[in-house]
Amino acid sequence: MGINVNMPGRGRRELASYNDRAFPGMGKQRLGTDLEEENRRLKKELAIAREERDILKKAMAIFSKTPK
């Protein structure tokens, strides 16, 4: 069949551990512990804050130029 011998066993273990989130895909993420979920949320929040900061830096550079 072209699959590794260990693949079916791994699939059963993942299904037993994660139930309906065993095989992430199609936009689903495997849920982990509360700390992992909080870490994911904080990383997303940090990325948004950095993007806002960069936009503000660029705006300051544009508006602080002296007219020629």
PDB file of N, CA and C in Angstrom:
ATOM      1  N   MET A   1       0.813  -1.193   0.000  1.00  0.00           N
ATOM      2  CA  MET A   1       0.000   0.000   0.000  1.00  0.00           C
ATOM      3  C   MET A   1       0.860   1.261   0.000  1.00  0.00           C
ATOM      4  N   GLY A   2       2.142   1.125   0.244  1.00  0.00           N
ATOM      5  CA  GLY A   2       3.018   2.287   0.204  1.00  0.00           C
ATOM      6  C   GLY A   2       3.045   3.092   1.495  1.00  0.00           C
ATOM      7  N   ILE A   3       2.670   2.473   2.614  1.00  0.00           N
ATOM      8  CA  ILE A   3       2.724   3.198   3.893  1.00  0.00           C
ATOM      9  C   ILE A   3       3.705   2.496   4.817  1.00  0.00           C
ATOM     10  N   ASN A   4       4.214   3.242   5.773  1.00  0.00           N
ATOM     11  CA  ASN A   4       5.137   2.712   6.751  1.00  0.00           C
ATOM     12  C   ASN A   4       4.398   1.760   7.697  1.00  0.00           C
ATOM     13  N   VAL A   5       5.082   0.779   8.203  1.00  0.00           N
ATOM     14  CA  VAL A   5       4.494  -0.218   9.099  1.00  0.00           C
ATOM     15  C   VAL A   5       3.952   0.436  10.372  1.00  0.00           C
ATOM     16  N   ASN A   6       4.585   1.517  10.834  1.00  0.00           N
ATOM     17  CA  ASN A   6       4.186   2.154  12.086  1.00  0.00           C
ATOM     18  C   ASN A   6       3.003   3.108  11.938  1.00  0.00           C
ATOM     19  N   MET A   7       2.619   3.453  10.721  1.00  0.00           N
ATOM     20  CA  MET A   7       1.572   4.446  10.503  1.00  0.00           C
ATOM     21  C   MET A   7       0.217   4.067  11.124  1.00  0.00           C
ATOM     22  N   PRO A   8      -0.294   2.853  10.942  1.00  0.00           N
ATOM     23  CA  PRO A   8      -1.599   2.539  11.549  1.00  0.00           C
ATOM     24  C   PRO A   8      -1.583   2.637  13.074  1.00  0.00           C
ATOM     25  N   GLY A   9      -0.517   2.198  13.692  1.00  0.00           N
ATOM     26  CA  GLY A   9      -0.420   2.285  15.154  1.00  0.00           C
ATOM     27  C   GLY A   9      -0.367   3.716  15.634  1.00  0.00           C
ATOM     28  N   ARG A  10       0.364   4.534  14.915  1.00  0.00           N
ATOM     29  CA  ARG A  10       0.448   5.952  15.265  1.00  0.00           C
ATOM     30  C   ARG A  10      -0.927   6.603  15.136  1.00  0.00           C
ATOM     31  N   GLY A  11      -1.637   6.264  14.075  1.00  0.00           N
ATOM     32  CA  GLY A  11      -2.975   6.810  13.865  1.00  0.00           C
ATOM     33  C   GLY A  11      -3.914   6.439  14.997  1.00  0.00           C
ATOM     34  N   ARG A  12      -3.867   5.205  15.442  1.00  0.00           N
ATOM     35  CA  ARG A  12      -4.716   4.774  16.559  1.00  0.00           C
ATOM     36  C   ARG A  12      -4.362   5.514  17.834  1.00  0.00           C
ATOM     37  N   ARG A  13      -3.060   5.711  18.096  1.00  0.00           N
ATOM     38  CA  ARG A  13      -2.646   6.429  19.309  1.00  0.00           C
ATOM     39  C   ARG A  13      -3.123   7.879  19.279  1.00  0.00           C
ATOM     40  N   GLU A  14      -2.966   8.528  18.119  1.00  0.00           N
ATOM     41  CA  GLU A  14      -3.412   9.915  18.007  1.00  0.00           C
ATOM     42  C   GLU A  14      -4.921  10.033  18.171  1.00  0.00           C
ATOM     43  N   LEU A  15      -5.652   9.097  17.595  1.00  0.00           N
ATOM     44  CA  LEU A  15      -7.101   9.117  17.724  1.00  0.00           C
ATOM     45  C   LEU A  15      -7.518   8.927  19.177  1.00  0.00           C
ATOM     46  N   ALA A  16      -6.832   8.043  19.893  1.00  0.00           N
ATOM     47  CA  ALA A  16      -7.152   7.817  21.300  1.00  0.00           C
ATOM     48  C   ALA A  16      -6.816   9.039  22.147  1.00  0.00           C
ATOM     49  N   SER A  17      -5.744   9.763  21.803  1.00  0.00           N
ATOM     50  CA  SER A  17      -5.322  10.912  22.600  1.00  0.00           C
ATOM     51  C   SER A  17      -6.118  12.173  22.312  1.00  0.00           C
ATOM     52  N   TYR A  18      -6.424  12.425  21.031  1.00  0.00           N
ATOM     53  CA  TYR A  18      -6.996  13.716  20.643  1.00  0.00           C
ATOM     54  C   TYR A  18      -8.439  13.642  20.149  1.00  0.00           C
ATOM     55  N   ASN A  19      -9.039  12.484  20.084  1.00  0.00           N
ATOM     56  CA  ASN A  19     -10.413  12.295  19.617  1.00  0.00           C
ATOM     57  C   ASN A  19     -10.655  12.969  18.275  1.00  0.00           C
ATOM     58  N   ASP A  20     -11.577  13.932  18.199  1.00  0.00           N
ATOM     59  CA  ASP A  20     -11.943  14.524  16.915  1.00  0.00           C
ATOM     60  C   ASP A  20     -10.896  15.475  16.367  1.00  0.00           C
ATOM     61  N   ARG A  21      -9.900  15.841  17.146  1.00  0.00           N
ATOM     62  CA  ARG A  21      -8.827  16.720  16.678  1.00  0.00           C
ATOM     63  C   ARG A  21      -7.549  15.937  16.374  1.00  0.00           C
ATOM     64  N   ALA A  22      -7.693  14.628  16.180  1.00  0.00           N
ATOM     65  CA  ALA A  22      -6.524  13.770  15.983  1.00  0.00           C
ATOM     66  C   ALA A  22      -5.774  14.079  14.704  1.00  0.00           C
ATOM     67  N   PHE A  23      -6.488  14.413  13.652  1.00  0.00           N
ATOM     68  CA  PHE A  23      -5.843  14.615  12.365  1.00  0.00           C
ATOM     69  C   PHE A  23      -6.158  16.020  11.874  1.00  0.00           C
ATOM     70  N   PRO A  24      -5.359  17.009  12.303  1.00  0.00           N
ATOM     71  CA  PRO A  24      -5.649  18.390  11.928  1.00  0.00           C
ATOM     72  C   PRO A  24      -5.472  18.613  10.434  1.00  0.00           C
ATOM     73  N   GLY A  25      -6.229  19.498   9.940  1.00  0.00           N
ATOM     74  CA  GLY A  25      -6.179  19.835   8.529  1.00  0.00           C
ATOM     75  C   GLY A  25      -7.405  20.655   8.192  1.00  0.00           C
ATOM     76  N   MET A  26      -7.435  21.206   7.019  1.00  0.00           N
ATOM     77  CA  MET A  26      -8.575  21.996   6.591  1.00  0.00           C
ATOM     78  C   MET A  26      -8.890  23.119   7.592  1.00  0.00           C
ATOM     79  N   GLY A  27      -7.827  23.736   8.147  1.00  0.00           N
ATOM     80  CA  GLY A  27      -8.016  24.862   9.050  1.00  0.00           C
ATOM     81  C   GLY A  27      -8.165  24.491  10.514  1.00  0.00           C
ATOM     82  N   LYS A  28      -8.279  23.197  10.822  1.00  0.00           N
ATOM     83  CA  LYS A  28      -8.400  22.796  12.226  1.00  0.00           C
ATOM     84  C   LYS A  28      -7.006  22.718  12.833  1.00  0.00           C
ATOM     85  N   GLN A  29      -6.892  23.178  14.058  1.00  0.00           N
ATOM     86  CA  GLN A  29      -5.623  23.047  14.763  1.00  0.00           C
ATOM     87  C   GLN A  29      -5.805  22.061  15.902  1.00  0.00           C
ATOM     88  N   ARG A  30      -4.759  21.326  16.165  1.00  0.00           N
ATOM     89  CA  ARG A  30      -4.798  20.391  17.277  1.00  0.00           C
ATOM     90  C   ARG A  30      -4.754  21.188  18.567  1.00  0.00           C
ATOM     91  N   LEU A  31      -5.734  20.967  19.408  1.00  0.00           N
ATOM     92  CA  LEU A  31      -5.769  21.677  20.678  1.00  0.00           C
ATOM     93  C   LEU A  31      -4.844  20.991  21.660  1.00  0.00           C
ATOM     94  N   GLY A  32      -4.095  21.780  22.373  1.00  0.00           N
ATOM     95  CA  GLY A  32      -3.171  21.226  23.352  1.00  0.00           C
ATOM     96  C   GLY A  32      -3.611  21.601  24.745  1.00  0.00           C
ATOM     97  N   THR A  33      -2.661  21.792  25.590  1.00  0.00           N
ATOM     98  CA  THR A  33      -2.961  22.170  26.960  1.00  0.00           C
ATOM     99  C   THR A  33      -3.385  23.636  27.005  1.00  0.00           C
ATOM    100  N   ASP A  34      -3.848  24.063  28.163  1.00  0.00           N
ATOM    101  CA  ASP A  34      -4.251  25.461  28.327  1.00  0.00           C
ATOM    102  C   ASP A  34      -3.080  26.396  28.077  1.00  0.00           C
ATOM    103  N   LEU A  35      -1.884  25.991  28.498  1.00  0.00           N
ATOM    104  CA  LEU A  35      -0.710  26.837  28.288  1.00  0.00           C
ATOM    105  C   LEU A  35      -0.386  26.979  26.809  1.00  0.00           C
ATOM    106  N   GLU A  36      -0.525  25.905  26.046  1.00  0.00           N
ATOM    107  CA  GLU A  36      -0.259  25.971  24.610  1.00  0.00           C
ATOM    108  C   GLU A  36      -1.270  26.875  23.908  1.00  0.00           C
ATOM    109  N   GLU A  37      -2.531  26.780  24.324  1.00  0.00           N
ATOM    110  CA  GLU A  37      -3.558  27.629  23.731  1.00  0.00           C
ATOM    111  C   GLU A  37      -3.309  29.095  24.071  1.00  0.00           C
ATOM    112  N   GLU A  38      -2.930  29.373  25.321  1.00  0.00           N
ATOM    113  CA  GLU A  38      -2.628  30.752  25.720  1.00  0.00           C
ATOM    114  C   GLU A  38      -1.405  31.269  24.961  1.00  0.00           C
ATOM    115  N   ASN A  39      -0.411  30.420  24.790  1.00  0.00           N
ATOM    116  CA  ASN A  39       0.795  30.798  24.050  1.00  0.00           C
ATOM    117  C   ASN A  39       0.442  31.151  22.603  1.00  0.00           C
ATOM    118  N   ARG A  40      -0.400  30.357  21.967  1.00  0.00           N
ATOM    119  CA  ARG A  40      -0.835  30.615  20.598  1.00  0.00           C
ATOM    120  C   ARG A  40      -1.574  31.947  20.506  1.00  0.00           C
ATOM    121  N   ARG A  41      -2.458  32.203  21.490  1.00  0.00           N
ATOM    122  CA  ARG A  41      -3.219  33.450  21.518  1.00  0.00           C
ATOM    123  C   ARG A  41      -2.303  34.648  21.708  1.00  0.00           C
ATOM    124  N   LEU A  42      -1.338  34.533  22.603  1.00  0.00           N
ATOM    125  CA  LEU A  42      -0.415  35.633  22.862  1.00  0.00           C
ATOM    126  C   LEU A  42       0.488  35.912  21.668  1.00  0.00           C
ATOM    127  N   LYS A  43       0.908  34.883  20.969  1.00  0.00           N
ATOM    128  CA  LYS A  43       1.732  35.081  19.766  1.00  0.00           C
ATOM    129  C   LYS A  43       0.950  35.826  18.698  1.00  0.00           C
ATOM    130  N   LYS A  44      -0.318  35.486  18.543  1.00  0.00           N
ATOM    131  CA  LYS A  44      -1.159  36.170  17.568  1.00  0.00           C
ATOM    132  C   LYS A  44      -1.341  37.637  17.964  1.00  0.00           C
ATOM    133  N   GLU A  45      -1.584  37.884  19.237  1.00  0.00           N
ATOM    134  CA  GLU A  45      -1.744  39.249  19.735  1.00  0.00           C
ATOM    135  C   GLU A  45      -0.462  40.062  19.540  1.00  0.00           C
ATOM    136  N   LEU A  46       0.693  39.446  19.778  1.00  0.00           N
ATOM    137  CA  LEU A  46       1.974  40.119  19.586  1.00  0.00           C
ATOM    138  C   LEU A  46       2.202  40.469  18.125  1.00  0.00           C
ATOM    139  N   ALA A  47       1.847  39.569  17.230  1.00  0.00           N
ATOM    140  CA  ALA A  47       2.009  39.835  15.801  1.00  0.00           C
ATOM    141  C   ALA A  47       1.157  41.026  15.371  1.00  0.00           C
ATOM    142  N   ILE A  48      -0.048  41.115  15.892  1.00  0.00           N
ATOM    143  CA  ILE A  48      -0.919  42.246  15.576  1.00  0.00           C
ATOM    144  C   ILE A  48      -0.329  43.541  16.112  1.00  0.00           C
ATOM    145  N   ALA A  49       0.162  43.528  17.352  1.00  0.00           N
ATOM    146  CA  ALA A  49       0.753  44.727  17.956  1.00  0.00           C
ATOM    147  C   ALA A  49       1.989  45.178  17.173  1.00  0.00           C
ATOM    148  N   ARG A  50       2.810  44.237  16.739  1.00  0.00           N
ATOM    149  CA  ARG A  50       4.002  44.591  15.957  1.00  0.00           C
ATOM    150  C   ARG A  50       3.617  45.216  14.620  1.00  0.00           C
ATOM    151  N   GLU A  51       2.589  44.665  13.990  1.00  0.00           N
ATOM    152  CA  GLU A  51       2.146  45.218  12.708  1.00  0.00           C
ATOM    153  C   GLU A  51       1.629  46.648  12.884  1.00  0.00           C
ATOM    154  N   GLU A  52       0.856  46.871  13.948  1.00  0.00           N
ATOM    155  CA  GLU A  52       0.352  48.221  14.217  1.00  0.00           C
ATOM    156  C   GLU A  52       1.508  49.186  14.486  1.00  0.00           C
ATOM    157  N   ARG A  53       2.498  48.728  15.240  1.00  0.00           N
ATOM    158  CA  ARG A  53       3.655  49.562  15.541  1.00  0.00           C
ATOM    159  C   ARG A  53       4.402  49.952  14.273  1.00  0.00           C
ATOM    160  N   ASP A  54       4.602  48.979  13.387  1.00  0.00           N
ATOM    161  CA  ASP A  54       5.319  49.246  12.139  1.00  0.00           C
ATOM    162  C   ASP A  54       4.560  50.242  11.262  1.00  0.00           C
ATOM    163  N   ILE A  55       3.240  50.108  11.231  1.00  0.00           N
ATOM    164  CA  ILE A  55       2.433  51.046  10.449  1.00  0.00           C
ATOM    165  C   ILE A  55       2.573  52.455  11.024  1.00  0.00           C
ATOM    166  N   LEU A  56       2.527  52.572  12.344  1.00  0.00           N
ATOM    167  CA  LEU A  56       2.666  53.893  12.969  1.00  0.00           C
ATOM    168  C   LEU A  56       4.051  54.489  12.725  1.00  0.00           C
ATOM    169  N   LYS A  57       5.087  53.662  12.744  1.00  0.00           N
ATOM    170  CA  LYS A  57       6.443  54.155  12.455  1.00  0.00           C
ATOM    171  C   LYS A  57       6.522  54.728  11.046  1.00  0.00           C
ATOM    172  N   LYS A  58       5.939  54.020  10.091  1.00  0.00           N
ATOM    173  CA  LYS A  58       5.962  54.478   8.703  1.00  0.00           C
ATOM    174  C   LYS A  58       5.168  55.768   8.549  1.00  0.00           C
ATOM    175  N   ALA A  59       4.040  55.859   9.226  1.00  0.00           N
ATOM    176  CA  ALA A  59       3.231  57.078   9.145  1.00  0.00           C
ATOM    177  C   ALA A  59       3.982  58.264   9.741  1.00  0.00           C
ATOM    178  N   MET A  60       4.669  58.044  10.855  1.00  0.00           N
ATOM    179  CA  MET A  60       5.452  59.127  11.478  1.00  0.00           C
ATOM    180  C   MET A  60       6.554  59.595  10.528  1.00  0.00           C
ATOM    181  N   ALA A  61       7.193  58.663   9.854  1.00  0.00           N
ATOM    182  CA  ALA A  61       8.265  59.016   8.917  1.00  0.00           C
ATOM    183  C   ALA A  61       7.705  59.834   7.755  1.00  0.00           C
ATOM    184  N   ILE A  62       6.563  59.496   7.280  1.00  0.00           N
ATOM    185  CA  ILE A  62       5.961  60.219   6.150  1.00  0.00           C
ATOM    186  C   ILE A  62       5.518  61.610   6.572  1.00  0.00           C
ATOM    187  N   PHE A  63       4.849  61.729   7.699  1.00  0.00           N
ATOM    188  CA  PHE A  63       4.294  63.019   8.116  1.00  0.00           C
ATOM    189  C   PHE A  63       5.307  63.936   8.775  1.00  0.00           C
ATOM    190  N   SER A  64       6.456  63.403   9.177  1.00  0.00           N
ATOM    191  CA  SER A  64       7.450  64.263   9.815  1.00  0.00           C
ATOM    192  C   SER A  64       8.450  64.865   8.803  1.00  0.00           C
ATOM    193  N   LYS A  65       8.334  64.484   7.544  1.00  0.00           N
ATOM    194  CA  LYS A  65       9.222  65.055   6.520  1.00  0.00           C
ATOM    195  C   LYS A  65       8.879  66.514   6.329  1.00  0.00           C
ATOM    196  N   THR A  66       9.936  67.332   6.171  1.00  0.00           N
ATOM    197  CA  THR A  66       9.707  68.762   5.920  1.00  0.00           C
ATOM    198  C   THR A  66       9.405  68.958   4.435  1.00  0.00           C
ATOM    199  N   PRO A  67       8.450  69.813   4.125  1.00  0.00           N
ATOM    200  CA  PRO A  67       8.139  70.035   2.705  1.00  0.00           C
ATOM    201  C   PRO A  67       9.286  70.715   1.984  1.00  0.00           C
ATOM    202  N   LYS A  68       9.474  70.408   0.736  1.00  0.00           N
ATOM    203  CA  LYS A  68      10.567  70.944  -0.058  1.00  0.00           C
ATOM    204  C   LYS A  68      10.157  72.199  -0.764  1.00  0.00           C
TER     205      LYS A  68
END
